Amino acid sequence: MFDSIRNDVFILGFHLEEYAASKGRYPPIKRRMKRSLYVCTIEKANSLINSLIEKNRMPELGIVVVDEVYSLIKPEILNFIFYLYYSYI
């Protein structure tokens, strides 16, 4: 799925970065001419937010979209990282 949206995102003027498994760089690279769109797992999102906080770069963060719909259906699935993630933003 990630590769299928890469061209569309590029046309809109964004640089698409994947943060999953071993992919992603902390802190993320600053882009001069493009805005970045980060696609992350919840664990990688936590690490990404932590790296931005450590470097005082949180103001660079624009929109945060979290796809955790399953947690509304099954609240017992919510975990510590999920709570930490929301407390940062």
C-alpha atoms as a PDB file:
ATOM      1  CA  MET A   1       0.000   0.000   0.000  1.00  0.00           C
ATOM      2  CA  PHE A   2       2.809   2.398   0.860  1.00  0.00           C
ATOM      3  CA  ASP A   3       4.270   2.319  -2.656  1.00  0.00           C
ATOM      4  CA  SER A   4       0.863   2.733  -4.277  1.00  0.00           C
ATOM      5  CA  ILE A   5       0.304   6.165  -2.703  1.00  0.00           C
ATOM      6  CA  ARG A   6       3.875   7.459  -3.044  1.00  0.00           C
ATOM      7  CA  ASN A   7       3.286   9.112  -6.463  1.00  0.00           C
ATOM      8  CA  ASP A   8       0.036  10.765  -5.395  1.00  0.00           C
ATOM      9  CA  VAL A   9       1.638  12.207  -2.287  1.00  0.00           C
ATOM     10  CA  PHE A  10       4.645  13.433  -4.291  1.00  0.00           C
ATOM     11  CA  ILE A  11       2.388  15.257  -6.754  1.00  0.00           C
ATOM     12  CA  LEU A  12       0.745  17.050  -3.812  1.00  0.00           C
ATOM     13  CA  GLY A  13       4.148  18.325  -2.674  1.00  0.00           C
ATOM     14  CA  PHE A  14       4.863  15.950   0.182  1.00  0.00           C
ATOM     15  CA  HIS A  15       7.786  13.667   0.816  1.00  0.00           C
ATOM     16  CA  LEU A  16       6.461  10.313   2.058  1.00  0.00           C
ATOM     17  CA  GLU A  17       8.439   8.494   4.746  1.00  0.00           C
ATOM     18  CA  GLU A  18       7.702   5.087   6.187  1.00  0.00           C
ATOM     19  CA  TYR A  19       8.340   4.305   9.846  1.00  0.00           C
ATOM     20  CA  ALA A  20       7.742   0.601  10.324  1.00  0.00           C
ATOM     21  CA  ALA A  21       9.916  -2.410  11.133  1.00  0.00           C
ATOM     22  CA  SER A  22      13.527  -1.259  10.507  1.00  0.00           C
ATOM     23  CA  LYS A  23      12.504   1.747   8.396  1.00  0.00           C
ATOM     24  CA  GLY A  24      12.700   5.350   9.560  1.00  0.00           C
ATOM     25  CA  ARG A  25      15.319   7.762  10.822  1.00  0.00           C
ATOM     26  CA  TYR A  26      15.411   9.542  14.196  1.00  0.00           C
ATOM     27  CA  PRO A  27      15.148  12.455  14.234  1.00  0.00           C
ATOM     28  CA  PRO A  28      13.635  12.759  10.775  1.00  0.00           C
ATOM     29  CA  ILE A  29      15.530  14.661   8.096  1.00  0.00           C
ATOM     30  CA  LYS A  30      14.510  18.303   7.724  1.00  0.00           C
ATOM     31  CA  ARG A  31      13.217  18.977   4.213  1.00  0.00           C
ATOM     32  CA  ARG A  32      13.675  22.466   2.797  1.00  0.00           C
ATOM     33  CA  MET A  33      11.405  22.330  -0.195  1.00  0.00           C
ATOM     34  CA  LYS A  34       8.848  19.715   0.804  1.00  0.00           C
ATOM     35  CA  ARG A  35       6.659  18.857   3.713  1.00  0.00           C
ATOM     36  CA  SER A  36       6.954  15.337   5.042  1.00  0.00           C
ATOM     37  CA  LEU A  37       4.183  12.837   5.574  1.00  0.00           C
ATOM     38  CA  TYR A  38       5.161  10.100   8.026  1.00  0.00           C
ATOM     39  CA  VAL A  39       3.365   6.771   7.885  1.00  0.00           C
ATOM     40  CA  CYS A  40       4.078   4.998  11.171  1.00  0.00           C
ATOM     41  CA  THR A  41       3.176   2.085  13.325  1.00  0.00           C
ATOM     42  CA  ILE A  42       2.075   3.191  16.802  1.00  0.00           C
ATOM     43  CA  GLU A  43       5.442   2.152  18.254  1.00  0.00           C
ATOM     44  CA  LYS A  44       7.422   4.034  15.606  1.00  0.00           C
ATOM     45  CA  ALA A  45       5.153   7.061  15.997  1.00  0.00           C
ATOM     46  CA  ASN A  46       6.071   7.098  19.679  1.00  0.00           C
ATOM     47  CA  SER A  47       9.785   7.051  18.825  1.00  0.00           C
ATOM     48  CA  LEU A  48       9.312   9.718  16.174  1.00  0.00           C
ATOM     49  CA  ILE A  49       7.510  12.022  18.627  1.00  0.00           C
ATOM     50  CA  ASN A  50      10.210  11.395  21.258  1.00  0.00           C
ATOM     51  CA  SER A  51      12.965  12.354  18.811  1.00  0.00           C
ATOM     52  CA  LEU A  52      11.147  15.567  17.860  1.00  0.00           C
ATOM     53  CA  ILE A  53      10.721  16.471  21.539  1.00  0.00           C
ATOM     54  CA  GLU A  54      14.412  15.826  22.274  1.00  0.00           C
ATOM     55  CA  LYS A  55      15.485  18.117  19.413  1.00  0.00           C
ATOM     56  CA  ASN A  56      12.867  20.808  20.212  1.00  0.00           C
ATOM     57  CA  ARG A  57      11.269  20.230  16.809  1.00  0.00           C
ATOM     58  CA  MET A  58       7.667  19.569  17.888  1.00  0.00           C
ATOM     59  CA  PRO A  59       6.440  22.789  16.193  1.00  0.00           C
ATOM     60  CA  GLU A  60       7.328  21.104  12.870  1.00  0.00           C
ATOM     61  CA  LEU A  61       4.580  18.568  13.471  1.00  0.00           C
ATOM     62  CA  GLY A  62       1.412  19.483  11.609  1.00  0.00           C
ATOM     63  CA  ILE A  63      -1.379  16.946  11.408  1.00  0.00           C
ATOM     64  CA  VAL A  64      -1.499  13.694  13.328  1.00  0.00           C
ATOM     65  CA  VAL A  65      -3.778  10.915  12.111  1.00  0.00           C
ATOM     66  CA  VAL A  66      -4.063   7.825  14.275  1.00  0.00           C
ATOM     67  CA  ASP A  67      -5.813   4.766  12.957  1.00  0.00           C
ATOM     68  CA  GLU A  68      -6.710   2.990  16.164  1.00  0.00           C
ATOM     69  CA  VAL A  69     -10.365   2.287  15.485  1.00  0.00           C
ATOM     70  CA  TYR A  70     -10.031  -1.214  16.912  1.00  0.00           C
ATOM     71  CA  SER A  71      -9.319   0.341  20.318  1.00  0.00           C
ATOM     72  CA  LEU A  72     -12.814   1.823  20.407  1.00  0.00           C
ATOM     73  CA  ILE A  73     -14.286  -1.600  19.816  1.00  0.00           C
ATOM     74  CA  LYS A  74     -11.948  -3.465  22.189  1.00  0.00           C
ATOM     75  CA  PRO A  75     -10.674  -1.077  24.884  1.00  0.00           C
ATOM     76  CA  GLU A  76      -8.622  -3.840  26.498  1.00  0.00           C
ATOM     77  CA  ILE A  77      -6.268  -3.644  23.493  1.00  0.00           C
ATOM     78  CA  LEU A  78      -5.164  -0.130  24.481  1.00  0.00           C
ATOM     79  CA  ASN A  79      -1.641  -0.208  25.818  1.00  0.00           C
ATOM     80  CA  PHE A  80       0.854   2.038  27.545  1.00  0.00           C
ATOM     81  CA  ILE A  81       2.462   3.313  24.321  1.00  0.00           C
ATOM     82  CA  PHE A  82      -0.939   4.330  23.006  1.00  0.00           C
ATOM     83  CA  TYR A  83      -1.555   6.495  26.087  1.00  0.00           C
ATOM     84  CA  LEU A  84       1.933   8.001  25.968  1.00  0.00           C
ATOM     85  CA  TYR A  85       1.529   8.868  22.310  1.00  0.00           C
ATOM     86  CA  TYR A  86      -1.605  10.895  22.949  1.00  0.00           C
ATOM     87  CA  SER A  87      -0.158  12.613  26.010  1.00  0.00           C
ATOM     88  CA  TYR A  88       2.656  14.105  23.883  1.00  0.00           C
ATOM     89  CA  ILE A  89       0.343  15.745  21.421  1.00  0.00           C
END
